């Protein structure tokens, strides 16, 4: 049975969103991923790099569930602002504060879609020659625009839909929702195509 959420359906900017992944499912999956990471990195102290702003809730919950020691840092790339569709340009706003040379690094994202941001991030971190570099994402869209983009830990695979909540926003709003909501489409194909693409 699902834990209570703010509402089964909400309205944002005049558009209707419905629950796609409930709070209980999210919590269960985060614990499963944390157990796997703790097992695979036993005896090590990985650096977890959260990608701001979208991953902050997933990142915090994941770190709390780990049973191993870890370091944390953050990166921030160019945001979408109020748009639903990426310009395709990736720009670094905040880089790493720590040195990761010779360390095990886990990049923690909210959603991976096109692979553009992830390619940029891994290339940037790779210049420091970490001992290992793996990717954790809460959501991965299927099919991806770049299917060769490898993700090591995936929370949920979702279709090409626009989603908000649990850190993901719509014009910087609704990040604080405990569940993940998807846009309830009107049936307009052009609208479906526009809402399908998001950061990642």
N, C-alpha and C. Protein backbone atom coordinates (compact mmCIF):
# COMPACT_ATOMS: atom_id res chain seq x y z
N UNK A 1 0.85 -1.20 0.00
CA UNK A 1 0.00 0.00 0.00
C UNK A 1 0.88 1.25 0.00
N UNK A 2 0.55 2.23 -0.85
CA UNK A 2 1.36 3.44 -0.97
C UNK A 2 1.25 4.30 0.28
N UNK A 3 2.37 4.91 0.67
CA UNK A 3 2.33 5.89 1.73
C UNK A 3 1.59 7.13 1.22
N UNK A 4 1.01 7.94 2.11
CA UNK A 4 0.30 9.13 1.65
C UNK A 4 1.22 10.07 0.90
N UNK A 5 0.73 10.67 -0.16
CA UNK A 5 1.45 11.70 -0.89
C UNK A 5 0.61 12.96 -0.83
N UNK A 6 1.15 14.06 -1.36
CA UNK A 6 0.44 15.32 -1.25
C UNK A 6 -0.92 15.26 -1.94
N UNK A 7 -0.96 14.58 -3.08
CA UNK A 7 -2.22 14.40 -3.81
C UNK A 7 -1.96 13.39 -4.91
N UNK A 8 -3.01 12.69 -5.31
CA UNK A 8 -2.88 11.74 -6.42
C UNK A 8 -2.80 12.46 -7.75
N UNK A 9 -3.30 13.69 -7.79
CA UNK A 9 -3.20 14.51 -8.99
C UNK A 9 -3.04 15.96 -8.56
N UNK A 10 -2.20 16.71 -9.27
CA UNK A 10 -1.97 18.10 -8.95
C UNK A 10 -1.97 18.92 -10.23
N UNK A 11 -2.13 20.22 -10.07
CA UNK A 11 -2.10 21.14 -11.20
C UNK A 11 -0.90 22.07 -11.04
N UNK A 12 -0.09 22.20 -12.09
CA UNK A 12 1.07 23.09 -12.09
C UNK A 12 1.03 23.91 -13.37
N UNK A 13 1.03 25.23 -13.21
CA UNK A 13 0.97 26.12 -14.37
C UNK A 13 -0.18 25.76 -15.31
N UNK A 14 -1.30 25.34 -14.72
CA UNK A 14 -2.47 25.02 -15.51
C UNK A 14 -2.43 23.65 -16.17
N UNK A 15 -1.41 22.84 -15.86
CA UNK A 15 -1.28 21.51 -16.45
C UNK A 15 -1.43 20.46 -15.36
N UNK A 16 -2.01 19.34 -15.71
CA UNK A 16 -2.36 18.32 -14.73
C UNK A 16 -1.29 17.22 -14.68
N UNK A 17 -0.87 16.87 -13.47
CA UNK A 17 0.11 15.82 -13.25
C UNK A 17 -0.49 14.76 -12.34
N UNK A 18 -0.15 13.50 -12.60
CA UNK A 18 -0.65 12.39 -11.79
C UNK A 18 0.54 11.58 -11.27
N UNK A 19 0.33 10.87 -10.15
CA UNK A 19 1.40 10.09 -9.54
C UNK A 19 1.85 8.99 -10.48
N UNK A 20 3.16 8.89 -10.67
CA UNK A 20 3.75 7.84 -11.49
C UNK A 20 4.49 6.82 -10.63
N UNK A 21 5.29 7.32 -9.66
CA UNK A 21 6.02 6.44 -8.74
C UNK A 21 5.79 6.97 -7.33
N UNK A 22 5.18 6.16 -6.50
CA UNK A 22 4.82 6.59 -5.16
C UNK A 22 5.98 6.62 -4.19
N UNK A 23 5.76 7.26 -3.07
CA UNK A 23 6.80 7.46 -2.06
C UNK A 23 7.36 6.15 -1.55
N UNK A 24 6.49 5.18 -1.30
CA UNK A 24 6.95 3.91 -0.75
C UNK A 24 7.86 3.18 -1.73
N UNK A 25 7.52 3.18 -3.00
CA UNK A 25 8.36 2.54 -4.02
C UNK A 25 9.73 3.22 -4.11
N UNK A 26 9.73 4.55 -4.03
CA UNK A 26 10.99 5.28 -4.09
C UNK A 26 11.88 4.91 -2.92
N UNK A 27 11.33 4.92 -1.71
CA UNK A 27 12.12 4.60 -0.53
C UNK A 27 12.69 3.20 -0.61
N UNK A 28 11.89 2.26 -1.04
CA UNK A 28 12.33 0.86 -1.15
C UNK A 28 13.48 0.75 -2.15
N UNK A 29 13.34 1.41 -3.29
CA UNK A 29 14.37 1.30 -4.33
C UNK A 29 15.67 1.98 -3.90
N UNK A 30 15.57 3.12 -3.21
CA UNK A 30 16.77 3.81 -2.73
C UNK A 30 17.54 2.91 -1.77
N UNK A 31 16.82 2.23 -0.89
CA UNK A 31 17.47 1.32 0.06
C UNK A 31 18.16 0.18 -0.67
N UNK A 32 17.53 -0.35 -1.73
CA UNK A 32 18.12 -1.44 -2.49
C UNK A 32 19.42 -0.99 -3.17
N UNK A 33 19.40 0.19 -3.76
CA UNK A 33 20.61 0.71 -4.41
C UNK A 33 21.71 0.94 -3.38
N UNK A 34 21.35 1.51 -2.23
CA UNK A 34 22.34 1.78 -1.18
C UNK A 34 22.97 0.48 -0.66
N UNK A 35 22.16 -0.56 -0.52
CA UNK A 35 22.71 -1.85 -0.07
C UNK A 35 23.70 -2.40 -1.08
N UNK A 36 23.37 -2.28 -2.37
CA UNK A 36 24.28 -2.78 -3.41
C UNK A 36 25.59 -2.00 -3.42
N UNK A 37 25.50 -0.67 -3.32
CA UNK A 37 26.72 0.16 -3.30
C UNK A 37 27.55 -0.18 -2.07
N UNK A 38 26.90 -0.30 -0.92
CA UNK A 38 27.63 -0.61 0.32
C UNK A 38 28.35 -1.95 0.21
N UNK A 39 27.72 -2.91 -0.44
CA UNK A 39 28.33 -4.23 -0.61
C UNK A 39 29.51 -4.16 -1.59
N UNK A 40 29.31 -3.48 -2.71
CA UNK A 40 30.34 -3.45 -3.75
C UNK A 40 31.52 -2.54 -3.40
N UNK A 41 31.31 -1.60 -2.49
CA UNK A 41 32.39 -0.69 -2.09
C UNK A 41 32.85 -0.94 -0.65
N UNK A 42 32.57 -2.11 -0.14
CA UNK A 42 33.00 -2.45 1.22
C UNK A 42 34.51 -2.31 1.33
N UNK A 43 34.96 -1.63 2.37
CA UNK A 43 36.39 -1.42 2.58
C UNK A 43 36.95 -0.22 1.83
N UNK A 44 36.09 0.48 1.08
CA UNK A 44 36.52 1.66 0.35
C UNK A 44 35.75 2.88 0.85
N UNK A 45 36.23 4.05 0.47
CA UNK A 45 35.55 5.31 0.82
C UNK A 45 35.31 6.09 -0.47
N UNK A 46 34.22 5.78 -1.16
CA UNK A 46 33.96 6.45 -2.43
C UNK A 46 33.57 7.91 -2.24
N UNK A 47 33.77 8.69 -3.29
CA UNK A 47 33.31 10.07 -3.33
C UNK A 47 32.00 10.10 -4.11
N UNK A 48 30.92 10.49 -3.45
CA UNK A 48 29.63 10.62 -4.13
C UNK A 48 29.48 12.06 -4.59
N UNK A 49 29.24 12.23 -5.88
CA UNK A 49 29.11 13.56 -6.48
C UNK A 49 27.67 13.76 -6.91
N UNK A 50 26.95 14.62 -6.20
CA UNK A 50 25.57 14.92 -6.55
C UNK A 50 25.51 16.00 -7.62
N UNK A 51 24.64 15.81 -8.59
CA UNK A 51 24.48 16.79 -9.66
C UNK A 51 23.27 17.67 -9.33
N UNK A 52 23.56 18.93 -9.04
CA UNK A 52 22.53 19.88 -8.63
C UNK A 52 21.79 20.44 -9.85
N UNK A 53 20.49 20.83 -9.66
CA UNK A 53 19.79 20.80 -8.39
C UNK A 53 18.96 19.52 -8.22
N UNK A 54 18.67 18.87 -9.34
CA UNK A 54 17.65 17.82 -9.35
C UNK A 54 17.90 16.63 -8.46
N UNK A 55 19.17 16.29 -8.21
CA UNK A 55 19.45 15.04 -7.48
C UNK A 55 19.45 15.20 -5.98
N UNK A 56 19.20 16.41 -5.45
CA UNK A 56 19.48 16.64 -4.04
C UNK A 56 18.69 15.74 -3.10
N UNK A 57 17.43 15.45 -3.39
CA UNK A 57 16.64 14.60 -2.50
C UNK A 57 17.10 13.15 -2.59
N UNK A 58 17.26 12.67 -3.80
CA UNK A 58 17.75 11.30 -4.02
C UNK A 58 19.13 11.13 -3.40
N UNK A 59 20.00 12.11 -3.61
CA UNK A 59 21.36 12.07 -3.10
C UNK A 59 21.36 11.96 -1.58
N UNK A 60 20.59 12.82 -0.91
CA UNK A 60 20.56 12.83 0.55
C UNK A 60 20.02 11.51 1.10
N UNK A 61 18.94 11.01 0.52
CA UNK A 61 18.37 9.75 0.98
C UNK A 61 19.32 8.58 0.74
N UNK A 62 20.00 8.59 -0.40
CA UNK A 62 20.95 7.52 -0.72
C UNK A 62 22.11 7.50 0.26
N UNK A 63 22.69 8.66 0.53
CA UNK A 63 23.83 8.74 1.45
C UNK A 63 23.43 8.27 2.84
N UNK A 64 22.24 8.62 3.28
CA UNK A 64 21.78 8.21 4.62
C UNK A 64 21.63 6.70 4.74
N UNK A 65 21.36 6.03 3.63
CA UNK A 65 21.16 4.58 3.66
C UNK A 65 22.45 3.78 3.52
N UNK A 66 23.56 4.43 3.16
CA UNK A 66 24.82 3.72 3.00
C UNK A 66 25.36 3.25 4.35
N UNK A 67 25.96 2.08 4.36
CA UNK A 67 26.56 1.54 5.59
C UNK A 67 28.08 1.65 5.55
N UNK A 68 28.62 2.26 4.50
CA UNK A 68 30.06 2.48 4.37
C UNK A 68 30.35 3.97 4.53
N UNK A 69 31.62 4.28 4.80
CA UNK A 69 32.01 5.69 4.86
C UNK A 69 32.10 6.23 3.44
N UNK A 70 31.90 7.53 3.30
CA UNK A 70 31.99 8.13 1.97
C UNK A 70 32.30 9.62 2.11
N UNK A 71 32.76 10.19 1.01
CA UNK A 71 32.90 11.63 0.90
C UNK A 71 31.80 12.14 -0.01
N UNK A 72 31.46 13.44 0.11
CA UNK A 72 30.43 14.00 -0.76
C UNK A 72 30.91 15.31 -1.37
N UNK A 73 30.48 15.55 -2.58
CA UNK A 73 30.75 16.80 -3.27
C UNK A 73 29.62 17.01 -4.27
N UNK A 74 29.63 18.18 -4.91
CA UNK A 74 28.54 18.50 -5.83
C UNK A 74 29.06 19.20 -7.08
N UNK A 75 28.34 18.99 -8.17
CA UNK A 75 28.57 19.72 -9.41
C UNK A 75 27.22 20.28 -9.87
N UNK A 76 27.30 21.38 -10.61
CA UNK A 76 26.07 21.94 -11.17
C UNK A 76 26.33 22.36 -12.61
N UNK A 77 25.43 21.93 -13.49
CA UNK A 77 25.52 22.28 -14.90
C UNK A 77 24.44 23.31 -15.23
N UNK A 78 24.49 23.79 -16.46
CA UNK A 78 23.49 24.76 -16.89
C UNK A 78 22.10 24.17 -16.73
N UNK A 79 21.16 24.98 -16.24
CA UNK A 79 19.82 24.49 -15.98
C UNK A 79 18.89 24.83 -17.13
N UNK A 80 17.70 24.28 -17.04
CA UNK A 80 16.70 24.52 -18.06
C UNK A 80 15.90 25.79 -17.80
N UNK A 81 16.09 26.39 -16.62
CA UNK A 81 15.28 27.55 -16.27
C UNK A 81 13.82 27.15 -16.18
N UNK A 82 12.96 27.84 -16.92
CA UNK A 82 11.54 27.53 -16.89
C UNK A 82 11.13 26.61 -18.04
N UNK A 83 12.08 26.15 -18.85
CA UNK A 83 11.74 25.38 -20.04
C UNK A 83 11.64 23.90 -19.73
N UNK A 84 10.96 23.17 -20.61
CA UNK A 84 10.86 21.72 -20.51
C UNK A 84 11.85 21.04 -21.44
N UNK A 85 12.40 21.80 -22.38
CA UNK A 85 13.24 21.22 -23.42
C UNK A 85 14.64 21.79 -23.34
N UNK A 86 15.65 20.93 -23.41
CA UNK A 86 17.04 21.37 -23.33
C UNK A 86 17.47 22.06 -24.60
N UNK A 87 18.38 23.04 -24.45
CA UNK A 87 18.96 23.71 -25.60
C UNK A 87 20.01 22.82 -26.26
N UNK A 88 20.44 21.77 -25.55
CA UNK A 88 21.49 20.90 -26.07
C UNK A 88 22.87 21.37 -25.71
N UNK A 89 22.98 22.54 -25.09
CA UNK A 89 24.27 23.09 -24.67
C UNK A 89 24.50 22.79 -23.20
N UNK A 90 25.68 22.29 -22.87
CA UNK A 90 26.02 21.96 -21.49
C UNK A 90 27.09 22.93 -21.01
N UNK A 91 26.84 23.56 -19.88
CA UNK A 91 27.77 24.53 -19.31
C UNK A 91 27.99 24.26 -17.84
N UNK A 92 29.24 24.30 -17.40
CA UNK A 92 29.55 24.08 -15.99
C UNK A 92 29.30 25.34 -15.19
N UNK A 93 28.49 25.23 -14.14
CA UNK A 93 28.22 26.34 -13.24
C UNK A 93 29.02 26.19 -11.95
N UNK A 94 29.10 24.95 -11.46
CA UNK A 94 29.90 24.65 -10.25
C UNK A 94 30.66 23.36 -10.47
N UNK A 95 31.97 23.40 -10.31
CA UNK A 95 32.79 22.22 -10.43
C UNK A 95 33.06 21.58 -9.08
N UNK A 96 33.85 20.53 -9.07
CA UNK A 96 34.19 19.84 -7.83
C UNK A 96 35.08 20.70 -6.94
N UNK A 97 34.86 20.60 -5.65
CA UNK A 97 35.74 21.27 -4.69
C UNK A 97 36.89 20.35 -4.26
N UNK A 98 36.66 19.05 -4.36
CA UNK A 98 37.67 18.09 -3.90
C UNK A 98 38.47 17.54 -5.08
N UNK A 99 39.59 16.93 -4.77
CA UNK A 99 40.40 16.24 -5.75
C UNK A 99 40.02 14.76 -5.72
N UNK A 100 39.78 14.20 -6.89
CA UNK A 100 39.34 12.81 -6.92
C UNK A 100 40.37 11.89 -7.57
N UNK A 101 41.56 12.38 -7.79
CA UNK A 101 42.62 11.55 -8.36
C UNK A 101 42.88 10.33 -7.49
N UNK A 102 42.79 9.15 -8.10
CA UNK A 102 43.04 7.92 -7.37
C UNK A 102 41.91 7.47 -6.47
N UNK A 103 40.76 8.16 -6.52
CA UNK A 103 39.62 7.80 -5.67
C UNK A 103 38.51 7.16 -6.49
N UNK A 104 37.66 6.42 -5.79
CA UNK A 104 36.48 5.83 -6.42
C UNK A 104 35.35 6.86 -6.40
N UNK A 105 34.79 7.15 -7.57
CA UNK A 105 33.78 8.21 -7.70
C UNK A 105 32.46 7.63 -8.16
N UNK A 106 31.39 8.07 -7.51
CA UNK A 106 30.03 7.72 -7.92
C UNK A 106 29.28 9.02 -8.22
N UNK A 107 28.91 9.21 -9.48
CA UNK A 107 28.13 10.38 -9.88
C UNK A 107 26.65 10.06 -9.67
N UNK A 108 25.95 10.93 -8.94
CA UNK A 108 24.54 10.69 -8.60
C UNK A 108 23.67 11.70 -9.31
N UNK A 109 22.83 11.22 -10.24
CA UNK A 109 21.95 12.06 -11.05
C UNK A 109 20.49 11.81 -10.70
N UNK A 110 19.63 12.78 -11.07
CA UNK A 110 18.20 12.57 -10.92
C UNK A 110 17.64 11.79 -12.10
N UNK A 111 18.09 12.14 -13.33
CA UNK A 111 17.54 11.49 -14.52
C UNK A 111 18.57 11.52 -15.64
N UNK A 112 18.67 10.41 -16.36
CA UNK A 112 19.54 10.31 -17.53
C UNK A 112 18.66 10.06 -18.74
N UNK A 113 18.84 10.90 -19.75
CA UNK A 113 18.00 10.79 -20.95
C UNK A 113 18.88 10.79 -22.19
N UNK A 114 19.25 11.98 -22.65
CA UNK A 114 20.02 12.08 -23.88
C UNK A 114 21.46 11.62 -23.72
N UNK A 115 21.99 11.70 -22.50
CA UNK A 115 23.37 11.34 -22.24
C UNK A 115 24.35 12.48 -22.42
N UNK A 116 23.87 13.64 -22.89
CA UNK A 116 24.76 14.77 -23.13
C UNK A 116 25.42 15.25 -21.83
N UNK A 117 24.60 15.47 -20.81
CA UNK A 117 25.14 15.95 -19.53
C UNK A 117 26.08 14.92 -18.92
N UNK A 118 25.69 13.64 -18.99
CA UNK A 118 26.52 12.61 -18.38
C UNK A 118 27.85 12.46 -19.09
N UNK A 119 27.85 12.59 -20.41
CA UNK A 119 29.11 12.54 -21.16
C UNK A 119 30.02 13.68 -20.74
N UNK A 120 29.45 14.86 -20.57
CA UNK A 120 30.21 16.04 -20.14
C UNK A 120 30.78 15.82 -18.74
N UNK A 121 29.95 15.34 -17.83
CA UNK A 121 30.37 15.15 -16.44
C UNK A 121 31.49 14.11 -16.34
N UNK A 122 31.30 12.97 -16.97
CA UNK A 122 32.30 11.91 -16.85
C UNK A 122 33.62 12.30 -17.53
N UNK A 123 33.53 13.05 -18.61
CA UNK A 123 34.76 13.53 -19.26
C UNK A 123 35.51 14.49 -18.35
N UNK A 124 34.76 15.38 -17.70
CA UNK A 124 35.36 16.37 -16.81
C UNK A 124 36.02 15.68 -15.61
N UNK A 125 35.31 14.76 -14.98
CA UNK A 125 35.87 14.07 -13.82
C UNK A 125 37.02 13.16 -14.24
N UNK A 126 36.90 12.54 -15.40
CA UNK A 126 37.93 11.64 -15.90
C UNK A 126 39.28 12.29 -16.06
N UNK A 127 39.30 13.61 -16.26
CA UNK A 127 40.57 14.33 -16.41
C UNK A 127 41.42 14.26 -15.15
N UNK A 128 40.75 14.00 -14.00
CA UNK A 128 41.49 13.89 -12.73
C UNK A 128 41.99 12.47 -12.46
N UNK A 129 41.73 11.55 -13.37
CA UNK A 129 42.20 10.17 -13.23
C UNK A 129 41.74 9.50 -11.93
N UNK A 130 40.41 9.40 -11.73
CA UNK A 130 39.94 8.66 -10.54
C UNK A 130 40.26 7.18 -10.68
N UNK A 131 40.26 6.48 -9.56
CA UNK A 131 40.50 5.04 -9.59
C UNK A 131 39.37 4.32 -10.32
N UNK A 132 38.16 4.80 -10.13
CA UNK A 132 37.00 4.26 -10.83
C UNK A 132 35.94 5.35 -10.91
N UNK A 133 35.05 5.22 -11.86
CA UNK A 133 33.99 6.22 -12.07
C UNK A 133 32.73 5.50 -12.51
N UNK A 134 31.71 5.57 -11.68
CA UNK A 134 30.43 4.91 -11.99
C UNK A 134 29.29 5.90 -11.84
N UNK A 135 28.15 5.54 -12.42
CA UNK A 135 27.00 6.45 -12.48
C UNK A 135 25.80 5.83 -11.77
N UNK A 136 25.15 6.64 -10.94
CA UNK A 136 23.91 6.26 -10.26
C UNK A 136 22.84 7.25 -10.70
N UNK A 137 21.68 6.75 -11.12
CA UNK A 137 20.59 7.66 -11.46
C UNK A 137 19.28 7.16 -10.90
N UNK A 138 18.47 8.07 -10.46
CA UNK A 138 17.14 7.70 -9.96
C UNK A 138 16.27 7.22 -11.12
N UNK A 139 16.30 7.97 -12.23
CA UNK A 139 15.46 7.66 -13.39
C UNK A 139 16.31 7.55 -14.65
N UNK A 140 15.93 6.64 -15.53
CA UNK A 140 16.53 6.57 -16.86
C UNK A 140 15.41 6.43 -17.88
N UNK A 141 15.40 7.34 -18.85
CA UNK A 141 14.38 7.27 -19.88
C UNK A 141 14.73 6.22 -20.93
N UNK A 142 13.72 5.48 -21.32
CA UNK A 142 13.85 4.46 -22.36
C UNK A 142 12.85 4.75 -23.47
N UNK A 143 13.24 4.78 -24.73
CA UNK A 143 14.61 4.59 -25.19
C UNK A 143 15.42 5.88 -25.03
N UNK A 144 16.71 5.74 -24.78
CA UNK A 144 17.59 6.90 -24.66
C UNK A 144 18.01 7.37 -26.04
N UNK A 145 18.29 8.67 -26.14
CA UNK A 145 18.76 9.20 -27.41
C UNK A 145 20.14 8.64 -27.72
N UNK A 146 20.95 8.47 -26.68
CA UNK A 146 22.28 7.87 -26.83
C UNK A 146 22.31 6.57 -26.04
N UNK A 147 21.90 5.46 -26.67
CA UNK A 147 21.83 4.19 -25.93
C UNK A 147 23.18 3.71 -25.42
N UNK A 148 24.29 4.26 -25.97
CA UNK A 148 25.62 3.83 -25.52
C UNK A 148 25.99 4.41 -24.16
N UNK A 149 25.21 5.38 -23.67
CA UNK A 149 25.48 5.95 -22.35
C UNK A 149 25.28 4.89 -21.28
N UNK A 150 26.35 4.53 -20.60
CA UNK A 150 26.28 3.46 -19.61
C UNK A 150 25.94 4.01 -18.23
N UNK A 151 24.99 3.38 -17.57
CA UNK A 151 24.61 3.74 -16.20
C UNK A 151 24.72 2.48 -15.35
N UNK A 152 25.42 2.60 -14.23
CA UNK A 152 25.70 1.42 -13.41
C UNK A 152 24.59 1.08 -12.44
N UNK A 153 23.92 2.08 -11.89
CA UNK A 153 22.84 1.86 -10.93
C UNK A 153 21.63 2.69 -11.38
N UNK A 154 20.51 2.02 -11.61
CA UNK A 154 19.30 2.70 -12.08
C UNK A 154 18.16 2.43 -11.10
N UNK A 155 17.52 3.52 -10.67
CA UNK A 155 16.37 3.35 -9.79
C UNK A 155 15.16 2.84 -10.55
N UNK A 156 14.71 3.62 -11.52
CA UNK A 156 13.54 3.25 -12.31
C UNK A 156 13.76 3.62 -13.77
N UNK A 157 13.31 2.77 -14.67
CA UNK A 157 13.28 3.12 -16.09
C UNK A 157 11.88 3.63 -16.41
N UNK A 158 11.83 4.76 -17.12
CA UNK A 158 10.55 5.36 -17.44
C UNK A 158 10.48 5.65 -18.94
N UNK A 159 9.27 5.77 -19.47
CA UNK A 159 9.13 6.13 -20.89
C UNK A 159 9.38 7.62 -21.10
N UNK A 160 9.20 8.08 -22.32
CA UNK A 160 9.44 9.47 -22.66
C UNK A 160 8.28 10.34 -22.19
N UNK A 161 8.28 10.64 -20.89
CA UNK A 161 7.25 11.48 -20.30
C UNK A 161 7.92 12.56 -19.46
N UNK A 162 7.24 13.67 -19.27
CA UNK A 162 7.75 14.77 -18.45
C UNK A 162 7.36 14.52 -17.01
N UNK A 163 8.36 14.53 -16.11
CA UNK A 163 8.11 14.18 -14.71
C UNK A 163 8.62 15.26 -13.77
N UNK A 164 7.97 15.35 -12.61
CA UNK A 164 8.34 16.29 -11.57
C UNK A 164 8.25 15.60 -10.22
N UNK A 165 8.83 16.25 -9.20
CA UNK A 165 8.75 15.73 -7.85
C UNK A 165 10.00 15.00 -7.42
N UNK A 166 10.18 14.84 -6.13
CA UNK A 166 11.34 14.18 -5.53
C UNK A 166 12.63 14.76 -6.10
N UNK A 167 12.68 16.09 -6.13
CA UNK A 167 13.87 16.79 -6.60
C UNK A 167 13.76 17.35 -8.00
N UNK A 168 12.92 16.76 -8.84
CA UNK A 168 12.76 17.23 -10.21
C UNK A 168 11.72 18.36 -10.24
N UNK A 169 11.99 19.36 -11.06
CA UNK A 169 11.16 20.56 -11.00
C UNK A 169 10.43 20.86 -12.30
N UNK A 170 9.48 21.77 -12.18
CA UNK A 170 8.85 22.41 -13.33
C UNK A 170 8.98 23.90 -13.06
N UNK A 171 9.87 24.58 -13.79
CA UNK A 171 10.14 26.01 -13.58
C UNK A 171 10.51 26.27 -12.12
N UNK A 172 11.37 25.38 -11.58
CA UNK A 172 11.89 25.47 -10.20
C UNK A 172 10.85 25.17 -9.12
N UNK A 173 9.68 24.72 -9.50
CA UNK A 173 8.63 24.40 -8.53
C UNK A 173 8.43 22.90 -8.40
N UNK A 174 7.86 22.51 -7.26
CA UNK A 174 7.42 21.13 -6.98
C UNK A 174 8.55 20.13 -6.76
N UNK A 175 9.75 20.61 -6.50
CA UNK A 175 10.83 19.69 -6.16
C UNK A 175 10.54 18.94 -4.87
N UNK A 176 9.75 19.55 -3.98
CA UNK A 176 9.53 18.99 -2.65
C UNK A 176 8.46 17.91 -2.59
N UNK A 177 7.87 17.56 -3.72
CA UNK A 177 6.88 16.48 -3.71
C UNK A 177 7.56 15.17 -3.32
N UNK A 178 6.89 14.36 -2.52
CA UNK A 178 7.48 13.12 -2.04
C UNK A 178 7.39 11.99 -3.06
N UNK A 179 6.48 12.12 -4.00
CA UNK A 179 6.32 11.14 -5.07
C UNK A 179 6.79 11.75 -6.38
N UNK A 180 6.89 10.92 -7.42
CA UNK A 180 7.21 11.40 -8.76
C UNK A 180 5.92 11.43 -9.57
N UNK A 181 5.66 12.58 -10.17
CA UNK A 181 4.44 12.78 -10.95
C UNK A 181 4.78 12.91 -12.43
N UNK A 182 3.89 12.44 -13.28
CA UNK A 182 4.05 12.62 -14.72
C UNK A 182 2.93 13.50 -15.25
N UNK A 183 3.25 14.19 -16.33
CA UNK A 183 2.26 15.03 -16.97
C UNK A 183 1.16 14.17 -17.57
N UNK A 184 -0.08 14.54 -17.33
CA UNK A 184 -1.20 13.84 -17.94
C UNK A 184 -1.48 14.51 -19.27
N UNK A 185 -1.08 13.83 -20.35
CA UNK A 185 -1.13 14.43 -21.68
C UNK A 185 -2.56 14.62 -22.15
N UNK A 186 -2.69 15.58 -23.05
CA UNK A 186 -4.01 15.90 -23.61
C UNK A 186 -4.31 15.12 -24.88
N UNK A 187 -3.28 14.39 -25.39
CA UNK A 187 -3.46 13.66 -26.63
C UNK A 187 -2.85 14.36 -27.82
N UNK A 188 -2.40 15.60 -27.64
CA UNK A 188 -1.76 16.35 -28.71
C UNK A 188 -0.35 15.81 -28.92
N UNK A 189 -0.04 15.30 -30.12
CA UNK A 189 1.25 14.66 -30.37
C UNK A 189 2.41 15.65 -30.25
N UNK A 190 2.21 16.89 -30.69
CA UNK A 190 3.28 17.88 -30.59
C UNK A 190 3.60 18.17 -29.13
N UNK A 191 2.56 18.24 -28.30
CA UNK A 191 2.77 18.46 -26.87
C UNK A 191 3.52 17.29 -26.26
N UNK A 192 3.17 16.07 -26.64
CA UNK A 192 3.86 14.89 -26.13
C UNK A 192 5.35 14.95 -26.45
N UNK A 193 5.68 15.33 -27.68
CA UNK A 193 7.07 15.38 -28.11
C UNK A 193 7.83 16.44 -27.32
N UNK A 194 7.20 17.59 -27.09
CA UNK A 194 7.86 18.68 -26.38
C UNK A 194 8.15 18.28 -24.95
N UNK A 195 7.20 17.63 -24.28
CA UNK A 195 7.36 17.31 -22.88
C UNK A 195 8.26 16.10 -22.64
N UNK A 196 8.59 15.37 -23.70
CA UNK A 196 9.36 14.14 -23.52
C UNK A 196 10.80 14.41 -23.11
N UNK A 197 11.39 15.51 -23.57
CA UNK A 197 12.81 15.75 -23.35
C UNK A 197 13.05 16.60 -22.12
N UNK A 198 13.96 16.10 -21.29
CA UNK A 198 14.33 16.84 -20.08
C UNK A 198 15.82 16.71 -19.87
N UNK A 199 16.33 17.39 -18.85
CA UNK A 199 17.78 17.33 -18.62
C UNK A 199 18.25 15.89 -18.39
N UNK A 200 19.53 15.68 -18.63
CA UNK A 200 20.13 14.37 -18.45
C UNK A 200 20.68 13.85 -19.74
